[in-house]
């Protein structure tokens, strides 16, 4: 009986440890999928040119295969390989009217991109000892930087009025 309990305890401990390690690996991916903007923004330092977009026409395709010679077919001249061409650079779409603002609070710093009727979290950097917690719903989101019972809250709302931000220390 003792041996069965020992095996069950070891199995339970291993299962809990494996679940915890898996959660630590998946947590950032889930957070990124829920709170990050799906659009990708490329930042290019001043003085440098952004990389050209690669299109299908810029890639050289292999030369076409000729069919096996037959006795009745005349020999074919090989086709020249397609010449790679440069595709025109895509035009940049005008940026949405957003204003990036940074809020420094006791728990750290929160940067938000604020639009007339929207907002998104750009970054949240906690001070040492603080953790970031976020909540999101239609028309608002909240970022808390917490250390035990103390913390700072930055809340962006746009559900019933133009976008506004409120900051609380608790």
N, C-alpha and C. Protein backbone atom coordinates (compact mmCIF):
# COMPACT_ATOMS: atom_id res chain seq x y z
N UNK A 1 0.82 -1.19 0.00
CA UNK A 1 0.00 0.00 0.00
C UNK A 1 0.87 1.26 0.00
N UNK A 2 1.93 1.25 0.84
CA UNK A 2 2.81 2.41 0.90
C UNK A 2 3.49 2.65 -0.44
N UNK A 3 3.85 1.57 -1.11
CA UNK A 3 4.52 1.69 -2.40
C UNK A 3 3.57 2.33 -3.43
N UNK A 4 2.31 1.95 -3.42
CA UNK A 4 1.33 2.51 -4.36
C UNK A 4 1.14 4.00 -4.09
N UNK A 5 1.10 4.39 -2.83
CA UNK A 5 0.95 5.80 -2.49
C UNK A 5 2.19 6.58 -2.93
N UNK A 6 3.36 5.98 -2.76
CA UNK A 6 4.61 6.62 -3.18
C UNK A 6 4.64 6.83 -4.69
N UNK A 7 4.22 5.81 -5.46
CA UNK A 7 4.17 5.95 -6.92
C UNK A 7 3.15 7.02 -7.33
N UNK A 8 1.99 7.03 -6.68
CA UNK A 8 0.97 8.02 -7.00
C UNK A 8 1.47 9.43 -6.69
N UNK A 9 2.15 9.61 -5.56
CA UNK A 9 2.69 10.92 -5.19
C UNK A 9 3.76 11.36 -6.20
N UNK A 10 4.63 10.44 -6.61
CA UNK A 10 5.68 10.78 -7.59
C UNK A 10 5.05 11.15 -8.93
N UNK A 11 4.04 10.40 -9.35
CA UNK A 11 3.37 10.70 -10.62
C UNK A 11 2.69 12.06 -10.55
N UNK A 12 2.00 12.34 -9.45
CA UNK A 12 1.31 13.61 -9.28
C UNK A 12 2.32 14.76 -9.28
N UNK A 13 3.43 14.61 -8.59
CA UNK A 13 4.46 15.65 -8.56
C UNK A 13 5.03 15.90 -9.95
N UNK A 14 5.30 14.84 -10.69
CA UNK A 14 5.84 15.00 -12.05
C UNK A 14 4.82 15.67 -12.96
N UNK A 15 3.54 15.32 -12.82
CA UNK A 15 2.50 15.92 -13.66
C UNK A 15 2.36 17.42 -13.35
N UNK A 16 2.40 17.78 -12.07
CA UNK A 16 2.29 19.19 -11.69
C UNK A 16 3.51 19.96 -12.19
N UNK A 17 4.69 19.39 -12.06
CA UNK A 17 5.91 20.05 -12.53
C UNK A 17 5.87 20.24 -14.05
N UNK A 18 5.45 19.22 -14.79
CA UNK A 18 5.38 19.33 -16.25
C UNK A 18 4.36 20.39 -16.67
N UNK A 19 3.23 20.44 -15.99
CA UNK A 19 2.22 21.46 -16.31
C UNK A 19 2.74 22.86 -16.03
N UNK A 20 3.43 23.02 -14.94
CA UNK A 20 3.99 24.34 -14.61
C UNK A 20 5.02 24.79 -15.62
N UNK A 21 5.92 23.90 -16.01
CA UNK A 21 6.93 24.25 -17.01
C UNK A 21 6.26 24.56 -18.34
N UNK A 22 5.25 23.80 -18.74
CA UNK A 22 4.54 24.08 -19.99
C UNK A 22 3.86 25.44 -19.93
N UNK A 23 3.25 25.78 -18.82
CA UNK A 23 2.56 27.06 -18.69
C UNK A 23 3.56 28.21 -18.82
N UNK A 24 4.74 28.07 -18.22
CA UNK A 24 5.73 29.14 -18.31
C UNK A 24 6.16 29.36 -19.76
N UNK A 25 6.20 28.30 -20.55
CA UNK A 25 6.59 28.44 -21.95
C UNK A 25 5.48 29.00 -22.82
N UNK A 26 4.25 28.73 -22.49
CA UNK A 26 3.11 29.13 -23.33
C UNK A 26 2.54 30.48 -22.92
N UNK A 27 2.78 30.91 -21.70
CA UNK A 27 2.17 32.13 -21.17
C UNK A 27 2.45 33.35 -22.04
N UNK A 28 3.71 33.56 -22.43
CA UNK A 28 4.04 34.74 -23.24
C UNK A 28 3.41 34.67 -24.62
N UNK A 29 3.32 33.47 -25.18
CA UNK A 29 2.71 33.32 -26.50
C UNK A 29 1.22 33.68 -26.43
N UNK A 30 0.53 33.18 -25.41
CA UNK A 30 -0.88 33.51 -25.25
C UNK A 30 -1.08 35.00 -24.99
N UNK A 31 -0.24 35.56 -24.15
CA UNK A 31 -0.36 36.99 -23.87
C UNK A 31 -0.16 37.79 -25.15
N UNK A 32 0.83 37.42 -25.95
CA UNK A 32 1.08 38.12 -27.21
C UNK A 32 -0.07 37.97 -28.18
N UNK A 33 -0.70 36.81 -28.21
CA UNK A 33 -1.82 36.59 -29.13
C UNK A 33 -3.04 37.41 -28.73
N UNK A 34 -3.23 37.64 -27.45
CA UNK A 34 -4.41 38.36 -26.99
C UNK A 34 -4.20 39.87 -27.00
N UNK A 35 -3.03 40.34 -26.56
CA UNK A 35 -2.86 41.77 -26.36
C UNK A 35 -2.01 42.48 -27.39
N UNK A 36 -1.24 41.79 -28.18
CA UNK A 36 -0.40 42.46 -29.16
C UNK A 36 -1.18 42.79 -30.41
N UNK A 37 -0.77 43.84 -31.07
CA UNK A 37 -1.39 44.26 -32.31
C UNK A 37 -1.03 43.27 -33.41
N UNK A 38 -2.01 42.78 -34.20
CA UNK A 38 -1.69 41.81 -35.23
C UNK A 38 -0.83 42.38 -36.34
N UNK A 39 -0.87 43.69 -36.57
CA UNK A 39 -0.05 44.29 -37.61
C UNK A 39 1.40 44.34 -37.16
N UNK A 40 2.31 44.18 -38.08
CA UNK A 40 3.72 44.22 -37.76
C UNK A 40 4.27 45.56 -38.23
N UNK A 41 4.97 46.23 -37.38
CA UNK A 41 5.56 47.50 -37.73
C UNK A 41 7.07 47.32 -37.76
N UNK A 42 7.71 47.72 -38.85
CA UNK A 42 9.15 47.64 -38.96
C UNK A 42 9.73 49.01 -38.68
N UNK A 43 10.65 49.06 -37.75
CA UNK A 43 11.29 50.32 -37.41
C UNK A 43 12.65 50.33 -38.09
N UNK A 44 12.89 51.33 -38.91
CA UNK A 44 14.15 51.46 -39.64
C UNK A 44 14.87 52.69 -39.12
N UNK A 45 16.12 52.53 -38.64
CA UNK A 45 16.85 53.70 -38.16
C UNK A 45 17.02 54.73 -39.27
N UNK A 46 17.12 55.99 -38.90
CA UNK A 46 17.28 57.07 -39.88
C UNK A 46 18.55 56.84 -40.69
N UNK A 47 18.45 57.16 -41.95
CA UNK A 47 19.61 57.03 -42.83
C UNK A 47 19.71 55.67 -43.49
N UNK A 48 18.93 54.71 -43.07
CA UNK A 48 18.96 53.38 -43.67
C UNK A 48 17.71 53.19 -44.51
N UNK A 49 17.83 52.38 -45.55
CA UNK A 49 16.69 52.09 -46.39
C UNK A 49 16.06 50.78 -45.92
N UNK A 50 14.73 50.71 -45.93
CA UNK A 50 14.09 49.45 -45.54
C UNK A 50 14.37 48.39 -46.59
N UNK A 51 14.36 47.10 -46.18
CA UNK A 51 14.60 46.05 -47.15
C UNK A 51 13.47 46.01 -48.18
N UNK A 52 13.82 45.67 -49.41
CA UNK A 52 12.82 45.56 -50.46
C UNK A 52 11.96 44.33 -50.22
N UNK A 53 10.71 44.45 -50.58
CA UNK A 53 9.82 43.31 -50.46
C UNK A 53 10.16 42.30 -51.54
N UNK A 54 10.13 41.03 -51.20
CA UNK A 54 10.43 39.98 -52.16
C UNK A 54 9.11 39.48 -52.72
N UNK A 55 8.99 39.50 -54.01
CA UNK A 55 7.78 38.99 -54.64
C UNK A 55 8.14 37.77 -55.46
N UNK A 56 7.13 37.11 -55.95
CA UNK A 56 7.37 35.90 -56.72
C UNK A 56 8.16 36.19 -57.98
N UNK A 57 8.04 37.39 -58.54
CA UNK A 57 8.75 37.69 -59.78
C UNK A 57 10.24 37.92 -59.56
N UNK A 58 10.65 38.15 -58.31
CA UNK A 58 12.07 38.37 -58.07
C UNK A 58 12.83 37.07 -57.89
N UNK A 59 12.14 35.99 -57.74
CA UNK A 59 12.80 34.70 -57.56
C UNK A 59 12.94 34.03 -58.91
N UNK A 60 14.13 33.55 -59.21
CA UNK A 60 14.34 32.86 -60.49
C UNK A 60 13.75 31.46 -60.38
N UNK A 61 12.96 31.11 -61.36
CA UNK A 61 12.38 29.77 -61.35
C UNK A 61 13.28 28.85 -62.15
N UNK A 62 13.27 27.55 -61.85
CA UNK A 62 14.11 26.64 -62.60
C UNK A 62 13.67 26.58 -64.06
N UNK A 63 14.63 26.26 -64.93
CA UNK A 63 14.32 26.16 -66.36
C UNK A 63 13.33 25.04 -66.57
N UNK A 64 12.39 25.21 -67.50
CA UNK A 64 11.40 24.16 -67.73
C UNK A 64 12.07 22.91 -68.27
N UNK A 65 11.52 21.79 -67.89
CA UNK A 65 12.05 20.51 -68.35
C UNK A 65 11.53 20.23 -69.75
N UNK A 66 12.40 19.80 -70.59
CA UNK A 66 11.96 19.46 -71.95
C UNK A 66 11.54 18.00 -71.96
N UNK A 67 10.53 17.66 -72.79
CA UNK A 67 10.09 16.28 -72.83
C UNK A 67 11.15 15.41 -73.47
N UNK A 68 11.04 14.13 -73.20
CA UNK A 68 11.99 13.18 -73.77
C UNK A 68 11.90 13.25 -75.30
N UNK A 69 13.05 13.20 -75.97
CA UNK A 69 13.01 13.30 -77.43
C UNK A 69 12.23 12.15 -78.03
N UNK A 70 11.47 12.49 -79.05
CA UNK A 70 10.75 11.45 -79.78
C UNK A 70 11.25 11.45 -81.22
N UNK A 71 10.94 10.40 -81.95
CA UNK A 71 11.45 10.28 -83.32
C UNK A 71 10.75 11.24 -84.27
N UNK A 72 9.52 11.66 -83.95
CA UNK A 72 8.78 12.52 -84.87
C UNK A 72 8.90 13.99 -84.53
N UNK A 73 9.32 14.33 -83.32
CA UNK A 73 9.37 15.73 -82.91
C UNK A 73 10.69 16.36 -83.32
N UNK A 74 10.61 17.58 -83.76
CA UNK A 74 11.81 18.31 -84.12
C UNK A 74 12.48 18.78 -82.83
N UNK A 75 13.80 18.90 -82.83
CA UNK A 75 14.47 19.35 -81.61
C UNK A 75 14.06 20.78 -81.28
N UNK A 76 13.89 21.03 -79.98
CA UNK A 76 13.48 22.34 -79.50
C UNK A 76 14.68 23.10 -78.97
N UNK A 77 14.65 24.41 -79.20
CA UNK A 77 15.68 25.25 -78.62
C UNK A 77 15.34 25.48 -77.15
N UNK A 78 16.34 25.48 -76.27
CA UNK A 78 16.02 25.71 -74.85
C UNK A 78 15.51 27.13 -74.64
N UNK A 79 14.56 27.24 -73.74
CA UNK A 79 13.99 28.54 -73.40
C UNK A 79 14.96 29.28 -72.48
N UNK A 80 15.07 30.58 -72.67
CA UNK A 80 15.94 31.31 -71.73
C UNK A 80 15.27 31.36 -70.36
N UNK A 81 16.11 31.35 -69.33
CA UNK A 81 15.59 31.43 -67.95
C UNK A 81 14.98 32.81 -67.75
N UNK A 82 13.90 32.90 -66.99
CA UNK A 82 13.29 34.21 -66.76
C UNK A 82 14.28 35.14 -66.06
N UNK A 83 14.26 36.38 -66.46
CA UNK A 83 15.14 37.38 -65.88
C UNK A 83 14.48 37.93 -64.63
N UNK A 84 15.21 37.91 -63.51
CA UNK A 84 14.62 38.49 -62.31
C UNK A 84 14.35 39.98 -62.52
N UNK A 85 13.20 40.43 -62.08
CA UNK A 85 12.85 41.84 -62.19
C UNK A 85 12.60 42.39 -60.81
N UNK A 86 12.77 43.65 -60.69
CA UNK A 86 12.52 44.31 -59.41
C UNK A 86 11.07 44.75 -59.37
N UNK A 87 10.37 44.34 -58.35
CA UNK A 87 8.98 44.76 -58.23
C UNK A 87 8.94 46.16 -57.64
N UNK A 88 7.92 46.93 -57.99
CA UNK A 88 7.85 48.28 -57.42
C UNK A 88 7.68 48.20 -55.91
N UNK A 89 8.24 49.18 -55.22
CA UNK A 89 8.11 49.20 -53.77
C UNK A 89 6.67 49.48 -53.40
N UNK A 90 6.14 48.72 -52.45
CA UNK A 90 4.75 48.97 -52.06
C UNK A 90 4.63 50.35 -51.42
N UNK A 91 3.53 51.01 -51.71
CA UNK A 91 3.29 52.32 -51.12
C UNK A 91 2.87 52.15 -49.67
N UNK A 92 3.38 52.99 -48.87
CA UNK A 92 3.03 52.93 -47.45
C UNK A 92 1.63 53.50 -47.27
N UNK A 93 0.85 52.81 -46.46
CA UNK A 93 -0.48 53.33 -46.16
C UNK A 93 -0.33 54.42 -45.12
N UNK A 94 -1.16 55.43 -45.19
CA UNK A 94 -1.02 56.50 -44.20
C UNK A 94 -1.27 55.96 -42.81
N UNK A 95 -0.47 56.38 -41.84
CA UNK A 95 -0.66 55.86 -40.49
C UNK A 95 -1.98 56.34 -39.91
N UNK A 96 -2.55 55.47 -39.10
CA UNK A 96 -3.77 55.85 -38.40
C UNK A 96 -3.42 56.97 -37.41
N UNK A 97 -4.38 57.79 -37.12
CA UNK A 97 -4.11 58.88 -36.20
C UNK A 97 -4.02 58.32 -34.79
N UNK A 98 -2.78 58.03 -34.38
CA UNK A 98 -2.56 57.55 -33.03
C UNK A 98 -1.51 58.42 -32.38
N UNK A 99 -1.60 58.51 -31.10
CA UNK A 99 -0.69 59.31 -30.30
C UNK A 99 -0.10 58.36 -29.26
N UNK A 100 1.20 58.11 -29.30
CA UNK A 100 1.83 57.22 -28.32
C UNK A 100 2.21 58.05 -27.11
N UNK A 101 1.69 57.63 -25.97
CA UNK A 101 1.96 58.34 -24.72
C UNK A 101 2.51 57.36 -23.70
N UNK A 102 3.41 57.86 -22.88
CA UNK A 102 4.03 57.05 -21.84
C UNK A 102 3.59 57.56 -20.48
N UNK A 103 3.23 56.64 -19.58
CA UNK A 103 2.79 56.99 -18.24
C UNK A 103 3.76 56.37 -17.24
N UNK A 104 4.44 57.22 -16.47
CA UNK A 104 5.36 56.73 -15.45
C UNK A 104 4.61 56.73 -14.13
N UNK A 105 4.52 55.55 -13.53
CA UNK A 105 3.81 55.37 -12.26
C UNK A 105 4.76 54.72 -11.26
N UNK A 106 4.32 54.59 -10.03
CA UNK A 106 5.17 54.01 -8.99
C UNK A 106 5.65 52.61 -9.38
N UNK A 107 4.82 51.82 -10.05
CA UNK A 107 5.18 50.45 -10.39
C UNK A 107 6.00 50.29 -11.65
N UNK A 108 6.20 51.36 -12.42
CA UNK A 108 6.99 51.25 -13.65
C UNK A 108 6.52 52.24 -14.70
N UNK A 109 6.52 51.79 -15.95
CA UNK A 109 6.15 52.67 -17.06
C UNK A 109 5.26 51.89 -18.02
N UNK A 110 4.20 52.57 -18.51
CA UNK A 110 3.26 51.98 -19.46
C UNK A 110 3.16 52.91 -20.66
N UNK A 111 3.34 52.36 -21.87
CA UNK A 111 3.21 53.14 -23.10
C UNK A 111 1.98 52.67 -23.85
N UNK A 112 1.14 53.64 -24.27
CA UNK A 112 -0.10 53.34 -24.97
C UNK A 112 -0.16 54.10 -26.29
N UNK A 113 -0.73 53.48 -27.31
CA UNK A 113 -1.02 54.15 -28.57
C UNK A 113 -2.50 54.50 -28.52
N UNK A 114 -2.80 55.78 -28.50
CA UNK A 114 -4.18 56.24 -28.33
C UNK A 114 -4.71 56.79 -29.64
N UNK A 115 -5.87 56.29 -30.05
CA UNK A 115 -6.57 56.80 -31.22
C UNK A 115 -7.81 57.53 -30.74
N UNK A 116 -8.58 58.12 -31.67
CA UNK A 116 -9.78 58.85 -31.27
C UNK A 116 -10.81 57.97 -30.57
N UNK A 117 -10.96 56.72 -31.02
CA UNK A 117 -11.94 55.80 -30.42
C UNK A 117 -11.32 54.42 -30.21
N UNK A 118 -10.03 54.38 -29.87
CA UNK A 118 -9.36 53.11 -29.64
C UNK A 118 -8.07 53.35 -28.88
N UNK A 119 -7.49 52.27 -28.39
CA UNK A 119 -6.20 52.32 -27.73
C UNK A 119 -5.59 50.93 -27.79
N UNK A 120 -4.27 50.88 -27.74
CA UNK A 120 -3.60 49.59 -27.66
C UNK A 120 -2.36 49.74 -26.79
N UNK A 121 -1.99 48.66 -26.15
CA UNK A 121 -0.82 48.64 -25.29
C UNK A 121 0.43 48.51 -26.15
N UNK A 122 1.36 49.44 -26.00
CA UNK A 122 2.62 49.37 -26.71
C UNK A 122 3.63 48.60 -25.86
N UNK A 123 3.77 48.98 -24.59
CA UNK A 123 4.67 48.25 -23.70
C UNK A 123 4.31 48.54 -22.25
N UNK A 124 4.70 47.62 -21.39
CA UNK A 124 4.55 47.79 -19.95
C UNK A 124 5.85 47.30 -19.32
N UNK A 125 6.58 48.20 -18.67
CA UNK A 125 7.87 47.86 -18.08
C UNK A 125 7.77 48.04 -16.57
N UNK A 126 7.73 46.93 -15.83
CA UNK A 126 7.61 47.06 -14.37
C UNK A 126 8.95 47.42 -13.73
N UNK A 127 8.89 48.12 -12.61
CA UNK A 127 10.07 48.37 -11.80
C UNK A 127 10.46 47.07 -11.10
N UNK A 128 11.69 46.96 -10.57
CA UNK A 128 12.09 45.73 -9.88
C UNK A 128 11.12 45.39 -8.75
N UNK A 129 10.72 44.14 -8.70
CA UNK A 129 9.79 43.67 -7.68
C UNK A 129 8.33 43.74 -8.08
N UNK A 130 8.02 44.40 -9.17
CA UNK A 130 6.64 44.55 -9.64
C UNK A 130 6.36 43.56 -10.77
N UNK A 131 5.10 43.22 -10.94
CA UNK A 131 4.64 42.34 -12.01
C UNK A 131 3.57 43.06 -12.83
N UNK A 132 3.46 42.68 -14.10
CA UNK A 132 2.46 43.27 -14.98
C UNK A 132 1.24 42.35 -15.04
N UNK A 133 0.06 42.91 -14.88
CA UNK A 133 -1.19 42.18 -15.05
C UNK A 133 -2.07 43.01 -15.97
N UNK A 134 -2.75 42.36 -16.91
CA UNK A 134 -3.59 43.09 -17.86
C UNK A 134 -4.97 42.47 -17.94
N UNK A 135 -5.94 43.33 -18.22
CA UNK A 135 -7.31 42.91 -18.46
C UNK A 135 -7.78 43.66 -19.69
N UNK A 136 -8.58 43.00 -20.51
CA UNK A 136 -9.07 43.64 -21.73
C UNK A 136 -10.53 43.26 -21.94
N UNK A 137 -11.30 44.22 -22.40
CA UNK A 137 -12.69 43.99 -22.75
C UNK A 137 -13.03 44.94 -23.88
N UNK A 138 -14.21 44.80 -24.43
CA UNK A 138 -14.61 45.67 -25.52
C UNK A 138 -14.74 47.10 -25.00
N UNK A 139 -13.96 48.01 -25.57
CA UNK A 139 -14.04 49.40 -25.19
C UNK A 139 -13.13 49.84 -24.07
N UNK A 140 -12.29 48.94 -23.51
CA UNK A 140 -11.37 49.35 -22.46
C UNK A 140 -10.32 48.27 -22.23
N UNK A 141 -9.22 48.65 -21.63
CA UNK A 141 -8.28 47.70 -21.07
C UNK A 141 -7.56 48.34 -19.89
N UNK A 142 -7.00 47.48 -19.06
CA UNK A 142 -6.36 47.94 -17.82
C UNK A 142 -5.01 47.24 -17.69
N UNK A 143 -4.00 48.00 -17.30
CA UNK A 143 -2.67 47.47 -17.05
C UNK A 143 -2.33 47.80 -15.60
N UNK A 144 -2.04 46.76 -14.81
CA UNK A 144 -1.65 46.94 -13.42
C UNK A 144 -0.19 46.52 -13.27
N UNK A 145 0.56 47.31 -12.53
CA UNK A 145 1.92 46.98 -12.14
C UNK A 145 1.86 46.77 -10.63
N UNK A 146 1.96 45.52 -10.18
CA UNK A 146 1.68 45.21 -8.78
C UNK A 146 2.89 44.61 -8.08
N UNK A 147 2.95 44.90 -6.77
CA UNK A 147 3.93 44.32 -5.87
C UNK A 147 3.20 44.04 -4.58
N UNK A 148 2.69 42.81 -4.45
CA UNK A 148 1.89 42.46 -3.29
C UNK A 148 0.58 43.24 -3.31
N UNK A 149 0.21 43.87 -2.18
CA UNK A 149 -1.05 44.62 -2.15
C UNK A 149 -0.92 46.02 -2.77
N UNK A 150 0.29 46.47 -3.06
CA UNK A 150 0.50 47.81 -3.64
C UNK A 150 0.61 47.72 -5.14
N UNK A 151 0.20 48.79 -5.81
CA UNK A 151 0.32 48.77 -7.26
C UNK A 151 -0.11 50.06 -7.90
N UNK A 152 0.00 50.06 -9.22
CA UNK A 152 -0.39 51.18 -10.05
C UNK A 152 -1.27 50.64 -11.16
N UNK A 153 -2.32 51.37 -11.51
CA UNK A 153 -3.23 50.96 -12.58
C UNK A 153 -3.30 52.06 -13.62
N UNK A 154 -3.19 51.66 -14.89
CA UNK A 154 -3.37 52.57 -16.02
C UNK A 154 -4.53 51.99 -16.82
N UNK A 155 -5.61 52.75 -16.95
CA UNK A 155 -6.83 52.26 -17.59
C UNK A 155 -7.14 53.14 -18.79
N UNK A 156 -7.28 52.51 -19.96
CA UNK A 156 -7.67 53.23 -21.18
C UNK A 156 -9.11 52.85 -21.50
N UNK A 157 -9.96 53.85 -21.76
CA UNK A 157 -11.38 53.62 -22.04
C UNK A 157 -11.80 54.39 -23.27
N UNK A 158 -12.64 53.77 -24.10
CA UNK A 158 -13.17 54.44 -25.28
C UNK A 158 -14.56 53.93 -25.62
N UNK A 159 -15.22 53.24 -24.72
CA UNK A 159 -16.52 52.61 -25.01
C UNK A 159 -17.68 53.58 -25.14
N UNK A 160 -17.66 54.69 -24.39
CA UNK A 160 -18.81 55.59 -24.42
C UNK A 160 -18.43 57.04 -24.69
N UNK A 161 -17.17 57.27 -25.03
CA UNK A 161 -16.69 58.63 -25.27
C UNK A 161 -15.36 58.55 -26.01
N UNK A 162 -14.79 59.69 -26.38
CA UNK A 162 -13.45 59.64 -26.96
C UNK A 162 -12.48 58.98 -25.98
N UNK A 163 -11.41 58.46 -26.49
CA UNK A 163 -10.44 57.73 -25.67
C UNK A 163 -9.91 58.61 -24.54
N UNK A 164 -9.90 58.02 -23.35
CA UNK A 164 -9.34 58.71 -22.20
C UNK A 164 -8.55 57.70 -21.37
N UNK A 165 -7.60 58.20 -20.59
CA UNK A 165 -6.75 57.35 -19.75
C UNK A 165 -6.82 57.84 -18.33
N UNK A 166 -6.97 56.90 -17.39
CA UNK A 166 -6.98 57.23 -15.98
C UNK A 166 -5.87 56.42 -15.30
N UNK A 167 -5.20 57.04 -14.34
CA UNK A 167 -4.09 56.42 -13.61
C UNK A 167 -4.43 56.41 -12.13
N UNK A 168 -4.23 55.26 -11.50
CA UNK A 168 -4.50 55.11 -10.06
C UNK A 168 -3.29 54.48 -9.37
N UNK A 169 -3.02 54.93 -8.17
CA UNK A 169 -2.02 54.30 -7.29
C UNK A 169 -2.78 53.70 -6.12
N UNK A 170 -2.47 52.48 -5.76
CA UNK A 170 -3.14 51.86 -4.61
C UNK A 170 -2.15 51.09 -3.78
